[in-house]
N, C-alpha and C. Protein backbone atom coordinates (compact mmCIF):
# COMPACT_ATOMS: atom_id res chain seq x y z
N MET A 1 2.12 -72.64 82.83
CA MET A 1 2.83 -71.70 81.97
C MET A 1 2.13 -71.65 80.62
N THR A 2 2.00 -70.43 80.09
CA THR A 2 1.44 -70.23 78.76
C THR A 2 2.41 -69.35 77.97
N SER A 3 2.28 -69.42 76.66
CA SER A 3 3.10 -68.55 75.80
C SER A 3 2.22 -67.98 74.71
N ARG A 4 2.61 -66.79 74.28
CA ARG A 4 1.91 -66.14 73.18
C ARG A 4 2.92 -65.42 72.31
N ARG A 5 2.61 -65.26 71.06
CA ARG A 5 3.50 -64.58 70.14
C ARG A 5 3.69 -63.13 70.57
N ALA A 6 4.91 -62.67 70.61
CA ALA A 6 5.19 -61.28 70.99
C ALA A 6 4.86 -60.35 69.84
N VAL A 7 4.45 -59.15 70.18
CA VAL A 7 4.14 -58.10 69.21
C VAL A 7 4.89 -56.83 69.63
N LEU A 8 4.87 -55.84 68.78
CA LEU A 8 5.63 -54.61 69.05
C LEU A 8 5.24 -53.94 70.36
N THR A 9 4.00 -54.07 70.78
CA THR A 9 3.60 -53.45 72.06
C THR A 9 4.25 -54.15 73.26
N ASP A 10 4.88 -55.30 73.03
CA ASP A 10 5.61 -56.00 74.09
C ASP A 10 7.03 -55.48 74.25
N LEU A 11 7.40 -54.51 73.45
CA LEU A 11 8.77 -53.99 73.46
C LEU A 11 9.25 -53.55 74.85
N PRO A 12 8.45 -52.83 75.65
CA PRO A 12 8.94 -52.45 76.99
C PRO A 12 9.27 -53.67 77.85
N PHE A 13 8.45 -54.70 77.79
CA PHE A 13 8.73 -55.91 78.58
C PHE A 13 9.98 -56.61 78.07
N LEU A 14 10.10 -56.75 76.76
CA LEU A 14 11.28 -57.41 76.18
C LEU A 14 12.55 -56.66 76.55
N THR A 15 12.50 -55.34 76.50
CA THR A 15 13.66 -54.51 76.86
C THR A 15 14.01 -54.70 78.34
N GLU A 16 13.00 -54.75 79.20
CA GLU A 16 13.24 -54.98 80.63
C GLU A 16 13.92 -56.33 80.85
N VAL A 17 13.42 -57.37 80.21
CA VAL A 17 14.00 -58.70 80.36
C VAL A 17 15.44 -58.71 79.88
N GLU A 18 15.68 -58.09 78.74
CA GLU A 18 17.04 -58.03 78.20
C GLU A 18 18.00 -57.39 79.21
N LYS A 19 17.60 -56.25 79.76
CA LYS A 19 18.47 -55.53 80.69
C LYS A 19 18.74 -56.32 81.97
N LYS A 20 17.73 -57.05 82.44
CA LYS A 20 17.87 -57.78 83.70
C LYS A 20 18.56 -59.14 83.54
N CYS A 21 18.57 -59.68 82.33
CA CYS A 21 19.01 -61.07 82.15
C CYS A 21 20.31 -61.25 81.38
N PHE A 22 20.74 -60.27 80.62
CA PHE A 22 21.88 -60.49 79.74
C PHE A 22 23.01 -59.49 79.97
N HIS A 23 24.25 -59.97 79.81
CA HIS A 23 25.43 -59.10 79.90
C HIS A 23 25.42 -58.03 78.81
N ASP A 24 25.05 -58.43 77.62
CA ASP A 24 25.01 -57.52 76.46
C ASP A 24 23.57 -57.45 75.94
N PRO A 25 22.70 -56.72 76.63
CA PRO A 25 21.28 -56.72 76.23
C PRO A 25 21.06 -56.09 74.86
N TRP A 26 20.09 -56.64 74.17
CA TRP A 26 19.67 -56.03 72.91
C TRP A 26 18.94 -54.74 73.24
N ASN A 27 19.19 -53.71 72.42
CA ASN A 27 18.48 -52.45 72.64
C ASN A 27 17.14 -52.49 71.87
N GLU A 28 16.35 -51.45 72.03
CA GLU A 28 15.02 -51.42 71.40
C GLU A 28 15.10 -51.55 69.89
N GLU A 29 16.08 -50.88 69.28
CA GLU A 29 16.22 -50.94 67.82
C GLU A 29 16.49 -52.37 67.35
N MET A 30 17.35 -53.07 68.06
CA MET A 30 17.65 -54.46 67.70
C MET A 30 16.42 -55.34 67.88
N LEU A 31 15.71 -55.14 68.98
CA LEU A 31 14.51 -55.94 69.23
C LEU A 31 13.44 -55.69 68.16
N VAL A 32 13.23 -54.44 67.80
CA VAL A 32 12.24 -54.13 66.76
C VAL A 32 12.63 -54.80 65.44
N SER A 33 13.90 -54.71 65.09
CA SER A 33 14.38 -55.34 63.86
C SER A 33 14.10 -56.84 63.87
N GLU A 34 14.37 -57.50 64.99
CA GLU A 34 14.13 -58.94 65.09
C GLU A 34 12.64 -59.27 65.10
N LEU A 35 11.86 -58.47 65.81
CA LEU A 35 10.41 -58.71 65.86
C LEU A 35 9.77 -58.62 64.47
N LEU A 36 10.32 -57.76 63.62
CA LEU A 36 9.77 -57.58 62.27
C LEU A 36 10.34 -58.57 61.26
N ASP A 37 11.35 -59.31 61.64
CA ASP A 37 11.97 -60.30 60.75
C ASP A 37 11.02 -61.48 60.58
N LYS A 38 10.72 -61.82 59.35
CA LYS A 38 9.76 -62.90 59.07
C LYS A 38 10.27 -64.27 59.52
N LEU A 39 11.57 -64.42 59.69
CA LEU A 39 12.13 -65.70 60.12
C LEU A 39 12.19 -65.82 61.64
N ALA A 40 12.02 -64.69 62.34
CA ALA A 40 12.15 -64.68 63.79
C ALA A 40 10.82 -64.98 64.47
N CYS A 41 10.89 -65.75 65.52
CA CYS A 41 9.72 -66.10 66.32
C CYS A 41 10.00 -65.71 67.77
N PHE A 42 9.20 -64.80 68.31
CA PHE A 42 9.34 -64.33 69.69
C PHE A 42 8.08 -64.71 70.46
N TYR A 43 8.27 -65.25 71.65
CA TYR A 43 7.14 -65.64 72.49
C TYR A 43 7.32 -65.11 73.91
N ILE A 44 6.25 -64.52 74.43
CA ILE A 44 6.21 -64.07 75.81
C ILE A 44 5.67 -65.24 76.63
N VAL A 45 6.32 -65.51 77.76
CA VAL A 45 5.92 -66.62 78.62
C VAL A 45 5.31 -66.05 79.90
N SER A 46 4.16 -66.61 80.27
CA SER A 46 3.43 -66.13 81.45
C SER A 46 3.09 -67.29 82.38
N SER A 47 2.93 -66.93 83.65
CA SER A 47 2.46 -67.87 84.66
C SER A 47 1.43 -67.13 85.50
N ASP A 48 0.26 -67.69 85.63
CA ASP A 48 -0.82 -67.04 86.39
C ASP A 48 -1.03 -65.60 85.93
N SER A 49 -1.04 -65.40 84.62
CA SER A 49 -1.27 -64.09 84.00
C SER A 49 -0.17 -63.06 84.25
N VAL A 50 0.99 -63.50 84.73
CA VAL A 50 2.13 -62.61 84.94
C VAL A 50 3.22 -62.99 83.96
N ASP A 51 3.71 -62.02 83.20
CA ASP A 51 4.79 -62.29 82.25
C ASP A 51 6.08 -62.55 83.03
N VAL A 52 6.71 -63.70 82.77
CA VAL A 52 7.91 -64.09 83.51
C VAL A 52 9.17 -64.12 82.65
N GLY A 53 9.00 -64.10 81.33
CA GLY A 53 10.17 -64.16 80.46
C GLY A 53 9.78 -64.24 79.00
N TYR A 54 10.76 -64.55 78.18
CA TYR A 54 10.49 -64.71 76.76
C TYR A 54 11.56 -65.61 76.15
N TYR A 55 11.23 -66.10 74.97
CA TYR A 55 12.22 -66.81 74.17
C TYR A 55 12.05 -66.43 72.71
N SER A 56 13.13 -66.63 71.97
CA SER A 56 13.09 -66.31 70.55
C SER A 56 13.98 -67.27 69.77
N PHE A 57 13.59 -67.49 68.53
CA PHE A 57 14.39 -68.34 67.66
C PHE A 57 14.15 -67.93 66.21
N LEU A 58 15.10 -68.29 65.38
CA LEU A 58 14.97 -68.12 63.94
C LEU A 58 14.63 -69.48 63.35
N HIS A 59 13.67 -69.49 62.44
CA HIS A 59 13.32 -70.74 61.75
C HIS A 59 13.72 -70.58 60.29
N VAL A 60 14.67 -71.41 59.85
CA VAL A 60 15.15 -71.37 58.47
C VAL A 60 15.11 -72.79 57.91
N PHE A 61 14.20 -73.01 56.98
CA PHE A 61 14.01 -74.32 56.36
C PHE A 61 13.78 -75.39 57.43
N ASP A 62 14.69 -76.33 57.56
CA ASP A 62 14.48 -77.41 58.53
C ASP A 62 15.35 -77.27 59.78
N GLU A 63 15.80 -76.05 60.04
CA GLU A 63 16.61 -75.80 61.23
C GLU A 63 16.06 -74.61 62.02
N ALA A 64 16.34 -74.63 63.30
CA ALA A 64 15.98 -73.50 64.16
C ALA A 64 17.23 -73.07 64.91
N HIS A 65 17.39 -71.78 65.04
CA HIS A 65 18.51 -71.21 65.80
C HIS A 65 17.92 -70.43 66.97
N ILE A 66 18.18 -70.91 68.18
CA ILE A 66 17.68 -70.23 69.37
C ILE A 66 18.49 -68.95 69.58
N MET A 67 17.79 -67.84 69.67
CA MET A 67 18.46 -66.57 69.91
C MET A 67 18.54 -66.27 71.41
N ASN A 68 17.39 -66.33 72.09
CA ASN A 68 17.36 -66.00 73.51
C ASN A 68 16.34 -66.84 74.25
N VAL A 69 16.69 -67.20 75.45
CA VAL A 69 15.77 -67.82 76.41
C VAL A 69 16.02 -67.08 77.71
N ALA A 70 15.00 -66.42 78.23
CA ALA A 70 15.21 -65.58 79.41
C ALA A 70 14.03 -65.66 80.37
N VAL A 71 14.36 -65.72 81.64
CA VAL A 71 13.38 -65.67 82.72
C VAL A 71 13.82 -64.54 83.64
N LEU A 72 12.91 -63.64 83.99
CA LEU A 72 13.25 -62.55 84.90
C LEU A 72 13.84 -63.13 86.19
N PRO A 73 14.84 -62.44 86.75
CA PRO A 73 15.52 -62.96 87.95
C PRO A 73 14.58 -63.35 89.09
N GLU A 74 13.53 -62.58 89.29
CA GLU A 74 12.62 -62.88 90.41
C GLU A 74 11.80 -64.16 90.20
N PHE A 75 11.84 -64.72 88.98
CA PHE A 75 11.12 -65.96 88.70
C PHE A 75 12.05 -67.14 88.42
N GLN A 76 13.34 -66.90 88.48
CA GLN A 76 14.29 -67.98 88.21
C GLN A 76 14.29 -69.00 89.34
N GLY A 77 14.70 -70.21 89.00
CA GLY A 77 14.77 -71.29 89.98
C GLY A 77 13.44 -71.99 90.22
N ARG A 78 12.45 -71.71 89.38
CA ARG A 78 11.12 -72.32 89.54
C ARG A 78 10.76 -73.24 88.37
N GLY A 79 11.73 -73.50 87.49
CA GLY A 79 11.48 -74.41 86.37
C GLY A 79 10.96 -73.74 85.11
N PHE A 80 10.85 -72.41 85.12
CA PHE A 80 10.33 -71.73 83.93
C PHE A 80 11.26 -71.86 82.73
N GLY A 81 12.57 -71.84 82.95
CA GLY A 81 13.52 -71.99 81.85
C GLY A 81 13.33 -73.32 81.13
N ARG A 82 13.19 -74.39 81.88
CA ARG A 82 12.95 -75.71 81.29
C ARG A 82 11.62 -75.74 80.52
N GLU A 83 10.60 -75.13 81.13
CA GLU A 83 9.28 -75.08 80.46
C GLU A 83 9.35 -74.26 79.18
N GLU A 84 10.09 -73.15 79.23
CA GLU A 84 10.28 -72.35 78.01
C GLU A 84 10.94 -73.18 76.93
N MET A 85 11.99 -73.91 77.31
CA MET A 85 12.70 -74.74 76.33
C MET A 85 11.80 -75.81 75.74
N LYS A 86 10.99 -76.45 76.56
CA LYS A 86 10.07 -77.47 76.04
C LYS A 86 9.09 -76.86 75.05
N ASP A 87 8.54 -75.69 75.41
CA ASP A 87 7.59 -75.01 74.53
C ASP A 87 8.28 -74.57 73.24
N LEU A 88 9.47 -74.01 73.37
CA LEU A 88 10.25 -73.57 72.21
C LEU A 88 10.51 -74.75 71.26
N LEU A 89 10.98 -75.85 71.80
CA LEU A 89 11.29 -77.01 70.96
C LEU A 89 10.04 -77.54 70.27
N LYS A 90 8.92 -77.58 70.98
CA LYS A 90 7.68 -78.03 70.35
C LYS A 90 7.32 -77.13 69.18
N LYS A 91 7.45 -75.82 69.38
CA LYS A 91 7.11 -74.89 68.30
C LYS A 91 8.05 -75.05 67.10
N THR A 92 9.34 -75.26 67.37
CA THR A 92 10.27 -75.44 66.24
C THR A 92 9.95 -76.71 65.48
N TYR A 93 9.63 -77.78 66.20
CA TYR A 93 9.31 -79.04 65.53
C TYR A 93 8.00 -78.93 64.76
N ASP A 94 7.02 -78.21 65.33
CA ASP A 94 5.75 -78.00 64.62
C ASP A 94 5.97 -77.25 63.32
N LEU A 95 7.00 -76.39 63.27
CA LEU A 95 7.32 -75.64 62.06
C LEU A 95 8.15 -76.47 61.07
N GLY A 96 8.56 -77.67 61.47
CA GLY A 96 9.32 -78.53 60.58
C GLY A 96 10.81 -78.56 60.81
N ALA A 97 11.28 -77.94 61.88
CA ALA A 97 12.71 -77.98 62.17
C ALA A 97 13.12 -79.38 62.59
N LYS A 98 14.19 -79.86 61.99
CA LYS A 98 14.72 -81.18 62.35
C LYS A 98 15.84 -81.05 63.37
N ASN A 99 16.56 -79.96 63.31
CA ASN A 99 17.70 -79.73 64.20
C ASN A 99 17.61 -78.32 64.78
N VAL A 100 18.13 -78.17 66.00
CA VAL A 100 18.09 -76.88 66.69
C VAL A 100 19.48 -76.57 67.20
N THR A 101 19.89 -75.31 67.05
CA THR A 101 21.22 -74.90 67.50
C THR A 101 21.12 -73.65 68.36
N LEU A 102 22.19 -73.40 69.12
CA LEU A 102 22.27 -72.20 69.94
C LEU A 102 23.72 -71.96 70.33
N GLU A 103 24.01 -70.75 70.75
CA GLU A 103 25.29 -70.41 71.38
C GLU A 103 24.99 -69.99 72.81
N VAL A 104 25.91 -70.31 73.70
CA VAL A 104 25.74 -69.95 75.11
C VAL A 104 27.09 -69.56 75.68
N ARG A 105 27.07 -68.58 76.58
CA ARG A 105 28.32 -68.19 77.25
C ARG A 105 28.94 -69.39 77.94
N GLU A 106 30.24 -69.52 77.80
CA GLU A 106 30.96 -70.62 78.42
C GLU A 106 30.77 -70.63 79.94
N SER A 107 30.59 -69.45 80.53
CA SER A 107 30.46 -69.34 81.99
C SER A 107 29.02 -69.51 82.48
N ASN A 108 28.07 -69.68 81.58
CA ASN A 108 26.67 -69.79 81.97
C ASN A 108 26.34 -71.25 82.31
N PHE A 109 26.82 -71.69 83.46
CA PHE A 109 26.72 -73.09 83.85
C PHE A 109 25.28 -73.58 83.99
N LYS A 110 24.39 -72.71 84.48
CA LYS A 110 22.99 -73.11 84.62
C LYS A 110 22.38 -73.42 83.26
N ALA A 111 22.63 -72.55 82.28
CA ALA A 111 22.07 -72.77 80.95
C ALA A 111 22.69 -74.00 80.30
N VAL A 112 24.01 -74.14 80.43
CA VAL A 112 24.69 -75.30 79.85
C VAL A 112 24.10 -76.59 80.43
N SER A 113 23.90 -76.61 81.73
CA SER A 113 23.33 -77.79 82.39
C SER A 113 21.92 -78.08 81.86
N LEU A 114 21.12 -77.04 81.71
CA LEU A 114 19.76 -77.20 81.19
C LEU A 114 19.81 -77.78 79.78
N TYR A 115 20.60 -77.16 78.91
CA TYR A 115 20.65 -77.61 77.51
C TYR A 115 21.13 -79.06 77.41
N GLU A 116 22.16 -79.38 78.16
CA GLU A 116 22.68 -80.75 78.10
C GLU A 116 21.66 -81.75 78.65
N SER A 117 20.91 -81.36 79.67
CA SER A 117 19.89 -82.26 80.23
C SER A 117 18.75 -82.50 79.24
N MET A 118 18.62 -81.60 78.25
CA MET A 118 17.57 -81.74 77.25
C MET A 118 18.08 -82.39 75.97
N GLY A 119 19.33 -82.85 75.98
CA GLY A 119 19.85 -83.58 74.83
C GLY A 119 20.72 -82.79 73.88
N PHE A 120 20.97 -81.51 74.17
CA PHE A 120 21.86 -80.72 73.32
C PHE A 120 23.29 -81.23 73.49
N VAL A 121 24.04 -81.20 72.39
CA VAL A 121 25.42 -81.67 72.38
C VAL A 121 26.33 -80.50 71.99
N CYS A 122 27.40 -80.29 72.77
CA CYS A 122 28.37 -79.24 72.45
C CYS A 122 29.24 -79.73 71.30
N VAL A 123 29.26 -78.94 70.22
CA VAL A 123 30.02 -79.34 69.03
C VAL A 123 31.20 -78.42 68.75
N GLY A 124 31.37 -77.37 69.54
CA GLY A 124 32.48 -76.47 69.29
C GLY A 124 32.38 -75.20 70.11
N LYS A 125 33.26 -74.29 69.75
CA LYS A 125 33.38 -73.03 70.48
C LYS A 125 33.58 -71.89 69.50
N ARG A 126 32.99 -70.74 69.80
CA ARG A 126 33.23 -69.52 69.03
C ARG A 126 34.07 -68.61 69.91
N PRO A 127 35.37 -68.52 69.62
CA PRO A 127 36.25 -67.68 70.45
C PRO A 127 35.82 -66.21 70.41
N LYS A 128 35.83 -65.59 71.57
CA LYS A 128 35.55 -64.16 71.71
C LYS A 128 34.24 -63.75 71.03
N TYR A 129 33.24 -64.57 71.13
CA TYR A 129 31.95 -64.35 70.48
C TYR A 129 31.20 -63.16 71.07
N TYR A 130 31.31 -62.99 72.39
CA TYR A 130 30.56 -61.93 73.06
C TYR A 130 31.38 -60.65 73.13
N MET A 131 30.67 -59.53 73.30
CA MET A 131 31.31 -58.21 73.27
C MET A 131 32.41 -58.07 74.32
N ASP A 132 32.29 -58.78 75.44
CA ASP A 132 33.31 -58.69 76.48
C ASP A 132 34.46 -59.66 76.26
N GLY A 133 34.43 -60.37 75.13
CA GLY A 133 35.52 -61.28 74.79
C GLY A 133 35.33 -62.73 75.23
N GLU A 134 34.23 -63.01 75.93
CA GLU A 134 33.99 -64.38 76.38
C GLU A 134 33.65 -65.28 75.19
N ASP A 135 34.10 -66.53 75.29
CA ASP A 135 33.80 -67.52 74.25
C ASP A 135 32.36 -68.00 74.38
N ALA A 136 31.81 -68.46 73.24
CA ALA A 136 30.50 -69.10 73.23
C ALA A 136 30.68 -70.57 72.91
N LEU A 137 29.91 -71.39 73.58
CA LEU A 137 29.85 -72.80 73.24
C LEU A 137 28.72 -72.99 72.24
N ILE A 138 28.94 -73.82 71.24
CA ILE A 138 27.96 -74.09 70.20
C ILE A 138 27.29 -75.43 70.51
N TYR A 139 25.98 -75.40 70.62
CA TYR A 139 25.22 -76.61 70.91
C TYR A 139 24.25 -76.91 69.77
N TRP A 140 24.04 -78.21 69.57
CA TRP A 140 23.04 -78.68 68.60
C TRP A 140 22.19 -79.75 69.26
N LEU A 141 20.94 -79.76 68.89
CA LEU A 141 20.02 -80.83 69.26
C LEU A 141 19.57 -81.45 67.94
N TYR A 142 19.93 -82.72 67.77
CA TYR A 142 19.61 -83.42 66.53
C TYR A 142 18.36 -84.26 66.74
N ARG A 143 17.39 -84.05 65.88
CA ARG A 143 16.14 -84.80 65.97
C ARG A 143 16.22 -85.97 64.99
N ASP A 144 15.96 -87.13 65.50
CA ASP A 144 16.00 -88.33 64.63
C ASP A 144 14.73 -88.47 63.83
């Protein structure tokens, strides 16, 4: 698996991933806004020269906030999500982040299992966080 910084020409791929992977996908306008944000870091993930997903996070001082981790459905179940998370965490730590946070749908058991297996701790809940009214679980990974 390799990763590279996403650029505006990656917008069609990012939009495709959003539509295939998320209940409330970001539209092109939202993606462009985030791609141009100086605090946002977007990476396209590839395997054997085929783009399989992407991840994004915000880096603010000594913290990172994971926005999205996505693997196209046809590539899920092959360990790419875990590899994306490892790469993402390395990049956040290289930037000086001491702690990493994220929100995840309460019903997203696969993601919850992945995050917990990587040391993330659930510290609370955001009621009705998502557009459909589902709660989000708040996770933190504390770096010693």
